[in-house]
Amino acid sequence: MQPKQYLQRLAADVVKRSGIARPTVEALLPHVFDEIRYQLTEGNRCVPIEGFGTFAVIDMPERRRRYTYKGKNEIRVIPPMKKLKFAPTKNMKREIDAGRYDPTRKSFSHHPQDPKIRKRCDMQYNRRSEVFLEHVPEACGD
């Protein structure tokens, strides 16, 4: 599917639910996603959306990982990098688990029964324990 088709499909769904004119939606959607991309790359690196979730960029430190393949057992160093994380709100998780959309809960608005969205801009890399360096015996008759 071509990028234009993704835009048209999403725009058609928004038009169907909201009643906003299709040309307006098709013109606005790319700018909304461009602004989210800008905020994550050059802005404050955190985009919280009430009723939806939080997008945040986290720093992954240099780390060591064990790779076992084709009879080799080696440790590799993974360089530091940035990673995009998304943390959905509790109610979004509940809707997904139930498989039912709740039209009373709108994004960018606070539903009276919902907890406030937490600023998750402080999301961090969850460090695993050190690499296990002991020899791992082969599964076949070691």
N, C-alpha and C. Protein backbone atom coordinates (compact mmCIF):
# COMPACT_ATOMS: atom_id res chain seq x y z
N MET A 1 0.84 -1.17 0.00
CA MET A 1 0.00 0.00 0.00
C MET A 1 0.90 1.24 0.00
N GLN A 2 0.56 2.22 -0.81
CA GLN A 2 1.32 3.45 -0.93
C GLN A 2 1.00 4.40 0.22
N PRO A 3 1.94 5.31 0.56
CA PRO A 3 1.69 6.25 1.66
C PRO A 3 0.41 7.07 1.49
N LYS A 4 0.11 7.46 0.28
CA LYS A 4 -1.11 8.25 0.01
C LYS A 4 -2.35 7.43 0.39
N GLN A 5 -2.31 6.12 0.15
CA GLN A 5 -3.44 5.26 0.48
C GLN A 5 -3.63 5.14 2.00
N TYR A 6 -2.51 5.11 2.75
CA TYR A 6 -2.62 5.08 4.22
C TYR A 6 -3.31 6.34 4.71
N LEU A 7 -2.89 7.48 4.16
CA LEU A 7 -3.49 8.76 4.55
C LEU A 7 -4.97 8.79 4.21
N GLN A 8 -5.33 8.33 3.02
CA GLN A 8 -6.72 8.36 2.60
C GLN A 8 -7.58 7.44 3.45
N ARG A 9 -7.05 6.28 3.81
CA ARG A 9 -7.80 5.33 4.64
C ARG A 9 -8.03 5.90 6.04
N LEU A 10 -6.97 6.46 6.65
CA LEU A 10 -7.11 7.05 7.98
C LEU A 10 -8.04 8.26 7.92
N ALA A 11 -7.89 9.09 6.91
CA ALA A 11 -8.75 10.27 6.76
C ALA A 11 -10.21 9.86 6.61
N ALA A 12 -10.47 8.82 5.82
CA ALA A 12 -11.85 8.35 5.63
C ALA A 12 -12.44 7.87 6.95
N ASP A 13 -11.65 7.20 7.78
CA ASP A 13 -12.14 6.74 9.08
C ASP A 13 -12.42 7.92 10.01
N VAL A 14 -11.56 8.93 9.98
CA VAL A 14 -11.77 10.11 10.82
C VAL A 14 -13.03 10.85 10.36
N VAL A 15 -13.20 10.99 9.05
CA VAL A 15 -14.37 11.68 8.49
C VAL A 15 -15.65 10.95 8.90
N LYS A 16 -15.61 9.62 8.84
CA LYS A 16 -16.78 8.82 9.18
C LYS A 16 -17.21 9.02 10.63
N ARG A 17 -16.24 9.09 11.55
CA ARG A 17 -16.57 9.21 12.98
C ARG A 17 -16.80 10.65 13.41
N SER A 18 -16.15 11.62 12.75
CA SER A 18 -16.21 13.00 13.24
C SER A 18 -17.12 13.92 12.44
N GLY A 19 -17.28 13.64 11.17
CA GLY A 19 -18.09 14.51 10.33
C GLY A 19 -17.34 15.71 9.78
N ILE A 20 -16.04 15.79 10.04
CA ILE A 20 -15.21 16.87 9.49
C ILE A 20 -14.98 16.59 8.01
N ALA A 21 -14.90 17.64 7.21
CA ALA A 21 -14.74 17.50 5.77
C ALA A 21 -13.44 16.76 5.43
N ARG A 22 -13.52 15.88 4.46
CA ARG A 22 -12.38 15.05 4.07
C ARG A 22 -11.15 15.86 3.66
N PRO A 23 -11.29 16.90 2.82
CA PRO A 23 -10.08 17.67 2.46
C PRO A 23 -9.39 18.30 3.68
N THR A 24 -10.17 18.72 4.65
CA THR A 24 -9.60 19.30 5.87
C THR A 24 -8.80 18.26 6.63
N VAL A 25 -9.37 17.08 6.78
CA VAL A 25 -8.69 16.00 7.52
C VAL A 25 -7.42 15.58 6.78
N GLU A 26 -7.51 15.42 5.45
CA GLU A 26 -6.33 15.00 4.68
C GLU A 26 -5.23 16.06 4.71
N ALA A 27 -5.60 17.32 4.82
CA ALA A 27 -4.59 18.38 4.91
C ALA A 27 -3.98 18.45 6.30
N LEU A 28 -4.76 18.16 7.34
CA LEU A 28 -4.31 18.31 8.71
C LEU A 28 -3.48 17.13 9.23
N LEU A 29 -3.86 15.92 8.90
CA LEU A 29 -3.20 14.73 9.45
C LEU A 29 -1.68 14.72 9.26
N PRO A 30 -1.16 14.97 8.06
CA PRO A 30 0.31 14.96 7.93
C PRO A 30 1.00 15.97 8.84
N HIS A 31 0.38 17.13 9.04
CA HIS A 31 0.99 18.15 9.90
C HIS A 31 0.99 17.72 11.36
N VAL A 32 -0.05 17.03 11.79
CA VAL A 32 -0.10 16.53 13.18
C VAL A 32 1.03 15.53 13.41
N PHE A 33 1.19 14.58 12.50
CA PHE A 33 2.23 13.57 12.68
C PHE A 33 3.63 14.16 12.50
N ASP A 34 3.77 15.16 11.63
CA ASP A 34 5.06 15.84 11.49
C ASP A 34 5.44 16.55 12.78
N GLU A 35 4.47 17.18 13.43
CA GLU A 35 4.75 17.88 14.69
C GLU A 35 5.13 16.89 15.78
N ILE A 36 4.47 15.74 15.84
CA ILE A 36 4.84 14.70 16.82
C ILE A 36 6.28 14.26 16.56
N ARG A 37 6.61 14.02 15.29
CA ARG A 37 7.98 13.63 14.93
C ARG A 37 8.98 14.70 15.32
N TYR A 38 8.64 15.97 15.07
CA TYR A 38 9.53 17.06 15.42
C TYR A 38 9.76 17.11 16.93
N GLN A 39 8.68 17.01 17.72
CA GLN A 39 8.81 17.06 19.17
C GLN A 39 9.67 15.92 19.70
N LEU A 40 9.56 14.74 19.09
CA LEU A 40 10.34 13.59 19.55
C LEU A 40 11.80 13.68 19.14
N THR A 41 12.09 14.29 18.00
CA THR A 41 13.47 14.35 17.53
C THR A 41 14.22 15.58 18.01
N GLU A 42 13.59 16.75 17.93
CA GLU A 42 14.30 17.98 18.26
C GLU A 42 13.67 18.76 19.41
N GLY A 43 12.45 18.45 19.75
CA GLY A 43 11.76 19.19 20.80
C GLY A 43 12.08 18.63 22.17
N ASN A 44 11.05 18.47 22.98
CA ASN A 44 11.26 18.01 24.35
C ASN A 44 11.34 16.49 24.48
N ARG A 45 11.30 15.77 23.37
CA ARG A 45 11.46 14.31 23.33
C ARG A 45 10.39 13.57 24.12
N CYS A 46 9.24 14.21 24.35
CA CYS A 46 8.14 13.58 25.05
C CYS A 46 6.84 14.20 24.57
N VAL A 47 5.88 13.35 24.16
CA VAL A 47 4.58 13.83 23.70
C VAL A 47 3.49 13.08 24.44
N PRO A 48 2.95 13.68 25.54
CA PRO A 48 1.83 13.03 26.23
C PRO A 48 0.50 13.43 25.59
N ILE A 49 -0.38 12.47 25.40
CA ILE A 49 -1.71 12.71 24.83
C ILE A 49 -2.73 12.13 25.81
N GLU A 50 -3.46 13.02 26.46
CA GLU A 50 -4.46 12.60 27.45
C GLU A 50 -5.46 11.65 26.81
N GLY A 51 -5.78 10.56 27.47
CA GLY A 51 -6.74 9.59 26.97
C GLY A 51 -6.15 8.62 25.96
N PHE A 52 -4.87 8.76 25.64
CA PHE A 52 -4.24 7.89 24.64
C PHE A 52 -2.96 7.28 25.21
N GLY A 53 -1.97 8.12 25.49
CA GLY A 53 -0.71 7.62 26.03
C GLY A 53 0.40 8.62 25.82
N THR A 54 1.63 8.17 26.05
CA THR A 54 2.79 9.04 25.94
C THR A 54 3.84 8.41 25.04
N PHE A 55 4.32 9.21 24.10
CA PHE A 55 5.47 8.83 23.27
C PHE A 55 6.68 9.50 23.89
N ALA A 56 7.77 8.77 24.06
CA ALA A 56 8.99 9.36 24.64
C ALA A 56 10.21 8.70 24.02
N VAL A 57 11.28 9.47 23.92
CA VAL A 57 12.56 8.97 23.44
C VAL A 57 13.42 8.71 24.67
N ILE A 58 13.98 7.52 24.76
CA ILE A 58 14.84 7.20 25.90
C ILE A 58 16.24 6.90 25.40
N ASP A 59 17.22 7.12 26.25
CA ASP A 59 18.62 6.84 25.92
C ASP A 59 18.96 5.44 26.41
N MET A 60 19.45 4.62 25.49
CA MET A 60 19.89 3.27 25.84
C MET A 60 21.41 3.32 25.99
N PRO A 61 21.95 2.94 27.14
CA PRO A 61 23.40 2.98 27.33
C PRO A 61 24.09 1.84 26.58
N GLU A 62 25.39 1.91 26.50
CA GLU A 62 26.15 0.80 25.93
C GLU A 62 25.93 -0.41 26.83
N ARG A 63 25.74 -1.58 26.23
CA ARG A 63 25.49 -2.77 27.03
C ARG A 63 26.08 -4.00 26.37
N ARG A 64 26.26 -5.04 27.16
CA ARG A 64 26.84 -6.30 26.66
C ARG A 64 25.74 -7.35 26.62
N ARG A 65 25.73 -8.11 25.55
CA ARG A 65 24.75 -9.19 25.41
C ARG A 65 25.44 -10.45 24.92
N ARG A 66 24.93 -11.58 25.38
CA ARG A 66 25.46 -12.88 24.98
C ARG A 66 24.69 -13.37 23.77
N TYR A 67 25.42 -13.86 22.78
CA TYR A 67 24.83 -14.46 21.59
C TYR A 67 25.35 -15.88 21.46
N THR A 68 24.43 -16.82 21.37
CA THR A 68 24.78 -18.23 21.19
C THR A 68 24.14 -18.70 19.90
N TYR A 69 24.98 -19.07 18.94
CA TYR A 69 24.46 -19.53 17.65
C TYR A 69 25.53 -20.36 16.95
N LYS A 70 25.11 -21.34 16.18
CA LYS A 70 26.00 -22.21 15.39
C LYS A 70 27.20 -22.70 16.19
N GLY A 71 26.96 -23.08 17.42
CA GLY A 71 28.03 -23.62 18.25
C GLY A 71 28.94 -22.56 18.86
N LYS A 72 28.71 -21.30 18.56
CA LYS A 72 29.53 -20.23 19.12
C LYS A 72 28.80 -19.61 20.31
N ASN A 73 29.58 -19.17 21.26
CA ASN A 73 29.03 -18.50 22.42
C ASN A 73 29.87 -17.25 22.62
N GLU A 74 29.34 -16.10 22.23
CA GLU A 74 30.15 -14.88 22.31
C GLU A 74 29.38 -13.74 22.96
N ILE A 75 30.13 -12.77 23.41
CA ILE A 75 29.55 -11.58 24.04
C ILE A 75 29.81 -10.41 23.11
N ARG A 76 28.77 -9.68 22.81
CA ARG A 76 28.89 -8.51 21.94
C ARG A 76 28.56 -7.26 22.72
N VAL A 77 29.20 -6.18 22.34
CA VAL A 77 28.91 -4.89 22.94
C VAL A 77 27.97 -4.15 22.00
N ILE A 78 26.83 -3.75 22.53
CA ILE A 78 25.84 -2.99 21.74
C ILE A 78 26.07 -1.52 22.06
N PRO A 79 26.30 -0.70 21.03
CA PRO A 79 26.60 0.72 21.28
C PRO A 79 25.39 1.47 21.83
N PRO A 80 25.63 2.62 22.45
CA PRO A 80 24.50 3.41 22.95
C PRO A 80 23.63 3.90 21.81
N MET A 81 22.33 4.03 22.06
CA MET A 81 21.41 4.50 21.03
C MET A 81 20.17 5.08 21.69
N LYS A 82 19.32 5.64 20.89
CA LYS A 82 18.05 6.17 21.36
C LYS A 82 16.95 5.22 20.93
N LYS A 83 15.88 5.15 21.74
CA LYS A 83 14.79 4.24 21.45
C LYS A 83 13.47 4.96 21.70
N LEU A 84 12.50 4.72 20.85
CA LEU A 84 11.18 5.31 21.01
C LEU A 84 10.31 4.37 21.82
N LYS A 85 9.68 4.90 22.87
CA LYS A 85 8.78 4.11 23.69
C LYS A 85 7.40 4.74 23.66
N PHE A 86 6.39 3.88 23.73
CA PHE A 86 5.02 4.35 23.87
C PHE A 86 4.43 3.68 25.09
N ALA A 87 3.85 4.48 25.97
CA ALA A 87 3.20 3.97 27.17
C ALA A 87 1.73 4.36 27.11
N PRO A 88 0.84 3.42 26.81
CA PRO A 88 -0.59 3.77 26.75
C PRO A 88 -1.15 4.07 28.13
N THR A 89 -2.23 4.84 28.18
CA THR A 89 -2.90 5.10 29.45
C THR A 89 -3.56 3.81 29.93
N LYS A 90 -3.89 3.76 31.21
CA LYS A 90 -4.53 2.57 31.78
C LYS A 90 -5.85 2.26 31.08
N ASN A 91 -6.62 3.29 30.80
CA ASN A 91 -7.92 3.05 30.17
C ASN A 91 -7.79 2.60 28.72
N MET A 92 -6.76 3.06 28.03
CA MET A 92 -6.53 2.57 26.68
C MET A 92 -6.19 1.07 26.73
N LYS A 93 -5.37 0.69 27.70
CA LYS A 93 -5.04 -0.73 27.87
C LYS A 93 -6.31 -1.55 28.13
N ARG A 94 -7.18 -1.03 29.00
CA ARG A 94 -8.43 -1.74 29.31
C ARG A 94 -9.29 -1.90 28.06
N GLU A 95 -9.40 -0.85 27.26
CA GLU A 95 -10.19 -0.93 26.02
C GLU A 95 -9.62 -1.97 25.07
N ILE A 96 -8.31 -2.02 24.96
CA ILE A 96 -7.68 -3.00 24.06
C ILE A 96 -7.92 -4.41 24.58
N ASP A 97 -7.76 -4.61 25.89
CA ASP A 97 -7.99 -5.93 26.48
C ASP A 97 -9.44 -6.38 26.28
N ALA A 98 -10.37 -5.44 26.45
CA ALA A 98 -11.79 -5.77 26.29
C ALA A 98 -12.19 -5.88 24.82
N GLY A 99 -11.39 -5.27 23.93
CA GLY A 99 -11.73 -5.30 22.50
C GLY A 99 -12.92 -4.41 22.17
N ARG A 100 -13.14 -3.38 23.00
CA ARG A 100 -14.28 -2.48 22.79
C ARG A 100 -13.83 -1.04 22.91
N TYR A 101 -14.17 -0.24 21.93
CA TYR A 101 -13.88 1.19 21.94
C TYR A 101 -14.93 1.91 22.77
N ASP A 102 -14.50 2.79 23.64
CA ASP A 102 -15.41 3.56 24.48
C ASP A 102 -15.47 4.99 23.95
N PRO A 103 -16.56 5.36 23.26
CA PRO A 103 -16.63 6.71 22.66
C PRO A 103 -16.73 7.84 23.68
N THR A 104 -16.98 7.53 24.96
CA THR A 104 -17.06 8.60 25.96
C THR A 104 -15.69 9.10 26.35
N ARG A 105 -14.65 8.34 26.07
CA ARG A 105 -13.28 8.74 26.41
C ARG A 105 -12.60 9.26 25.16
N LYS A 106 -12.42 10.55 25.09
CA LYS A 106 -11.81 11.19 23.93
C LYS A 106 -10.35 11.53 24.23
N SER A 107 -9.51 11.44 23.21
CA SER A 107 -8.12 11.87 23.37
C SER A 107 -8.09 13.38 23.57
N PHE A 108 -7.11 13.84 24.30
CA PHE A 108 -6.91 15.26 24.64
C PHE A 108 -7.98 15.81 25.57
N SER A 109 -8.78 14.95 26.16
CA SER A 109 -9.74 15.43 27.17
C SER A 109 -9.73 14.43 28.32
N HIS A 110 -9.95 14.95 29.51
CA HIS A 110 -9.89 14.11 30.71
C HIS A 110 -11.28 13.63 31.08
N HIS A 111 -11.48 12.32 31.10
CA HIS A 111 -12.74 11.72 31.53
C HIS A 111 -12.76 11.76 33.06
N PRO A 112 -13.89 12.12 33.68
CA PRO A 112 -13.93 12.28 35.14
C PRO A 112 -13.48 11.07 35.93
N GLN A 113 -13.68 9.86 35.43
CA GLN A 113 -13.32 8.66 36.19
C GLN A 113 -11.89 8.19 35.92
N ASP A 114 -11.20 8.83 34.99
CA ASP A 114 -9.85 8.39 34.64
C ASP A 114 -8.81 9.03 35.54
N PRO A 115 -7.74 8.29 35.85
CA PRO A 115 -6.63 8.94 36.55
C PRO A 115 -5.94 9.90 35.59
N LYS A 116 -5.31 10.93 36.12
CA LYS A 116 -4.61 11.89 35.25
C LYS A 116 -3.42 11.21 34.60
N ILE A 117 -3.14 11.62 33.38
CA ILE A 117 -2.00 11.05 32.67
C ILE A 117 -0.73 11.53 33.37
N ARG A 118 0.14 10.59 33.59
CA ARG A 118 1.40 10.95 34.23
C ARG A 118 2.37 11.42 33.17
N LYS A 119 3.18 12.39 33.51
CA LYS A 119 4.22 12.82 32.60
C LYS A 119 5.24 11.71 32.59
N ARG A 120 5.29 10.99 31.53
CA ARG A 120 6.21 9.85 31.47
C ARG A 120 7.48 10.22 30.73
N CYS A 121 7.80 11.51 30.74
CA CYS A 121 9.00 11.97 30.05
C CYS A 121 10.26 11.44 30.73
N ASP A 122 10.08 10.91 31.94
CA ASP A 122 11.24 10.37 32.64
C ASP A 122 11.35 8.86 32.44
N MET A 123 10.75 8.33 31.38
CA MET A 123 10.89 6.90 31.09
C MET A 123 12.38 6.61 30.92
N GLN A 124 12.83 5.52 31.47
CA GLN A 124 14.25 5.18 31.41
C GLN A 124 14.42 3.77 30.89
N TYR A 125 15.63 3.47 30.49
CA TYR A 125 16.00 2.13 30.09
C TYR A 125 16.03 1.25 31.34
N ASN A 126 15.34 0.12 31.29
CA ASN A 126 15.36 -0.83 32.41
C ASN A 126 16.55 -1.76 32.23
N ARG A 127 17.55 -1.54 33.04
CA ARG A 127 18.78 -2.29 32.92
C ARG A 127 18.59 -3.73 33.39
N ARG A 128 19.01 -4.66 32.56
CA ARG A 128 18.99 -6.08 32.95
C ARG A 128 20.24 -6.38 33.76
N SER A 129 20.25 -7.56 34.35
CA SER A 129 21.43 -7.94 35.12
C SER A 129 22.61 -8.15 34.18
N GLU A 130 23.79 -8.22 34.76
CA GLU A 130 25.00 -8.42 33.96
C GLU A 130 24.90 -9.71 33.14
N VAL A 131 25.66 -9.75 32.09
CA VAL A 131 25.65 -10.91 31.20
C VAL A 131 26.13 -12.13 31.99
N PHE A 132 25.40 -13.21 31.84
CA PHE A 132 25.74 -14.45 32.51
C PHE A 132 26.90 -15.08 31.75
N LEU A 133 28.08 -15.16 32.36
CA LEU A 133 29.29 -15.56 31.64
C LEU A 133 29.66 -17.03 31.78
N GLU A 134 28.92 -17.78 32.57
CA GLU A 134 29.24 -19.19 32.75
C GLU A 134 28.94 -19.96 31.47
N HIS A 135 29.66 -21.04 31.23
CA HIS A 135 29.47 -21.85 30.04
C HIS A 135 28.06 -22.45 30.02
N VAL A 136 27.42 -22.37 28.86
CA VAL A 136 26.09 -22.95 28.69
C VAL A 136 26.27 -24.26 27.94
N PRO A 137 25.94 -25.41 28.56
CA PRO A 137 26.13 -26.70 27.88
C PRO A 137 25.18 -26.84 26.69
N GLU A 138 25.65 -27.53 25.68
CA GLU A 138 24.86 -27.78 24.48
C GLU A 138 23.68 -28.69 24.83
N ALA A 139 22.62 -28.57 24.10
CA ALA A 139 21.42 -29.36 24.36
C ALA A 139 21.60 -30.82 23.97
N CYS A 140 22.46 -31.07 23.01
CA CYS A 140 22.63 -32.44 22.49
C CYS A 140 23.87 -33.10 23.07
N GLY A 141 23.73 -33.84 24.15
CA GLY A 141 24.76 -34.72 24.70
C GLY A 141 26.06 -34.08 25.10
N ASP A 142 26.06 -32.96 25.75
CA ASP A 142 27.30 -32.33 26.21
C ASP A 142 27.77 -32.94 27.49
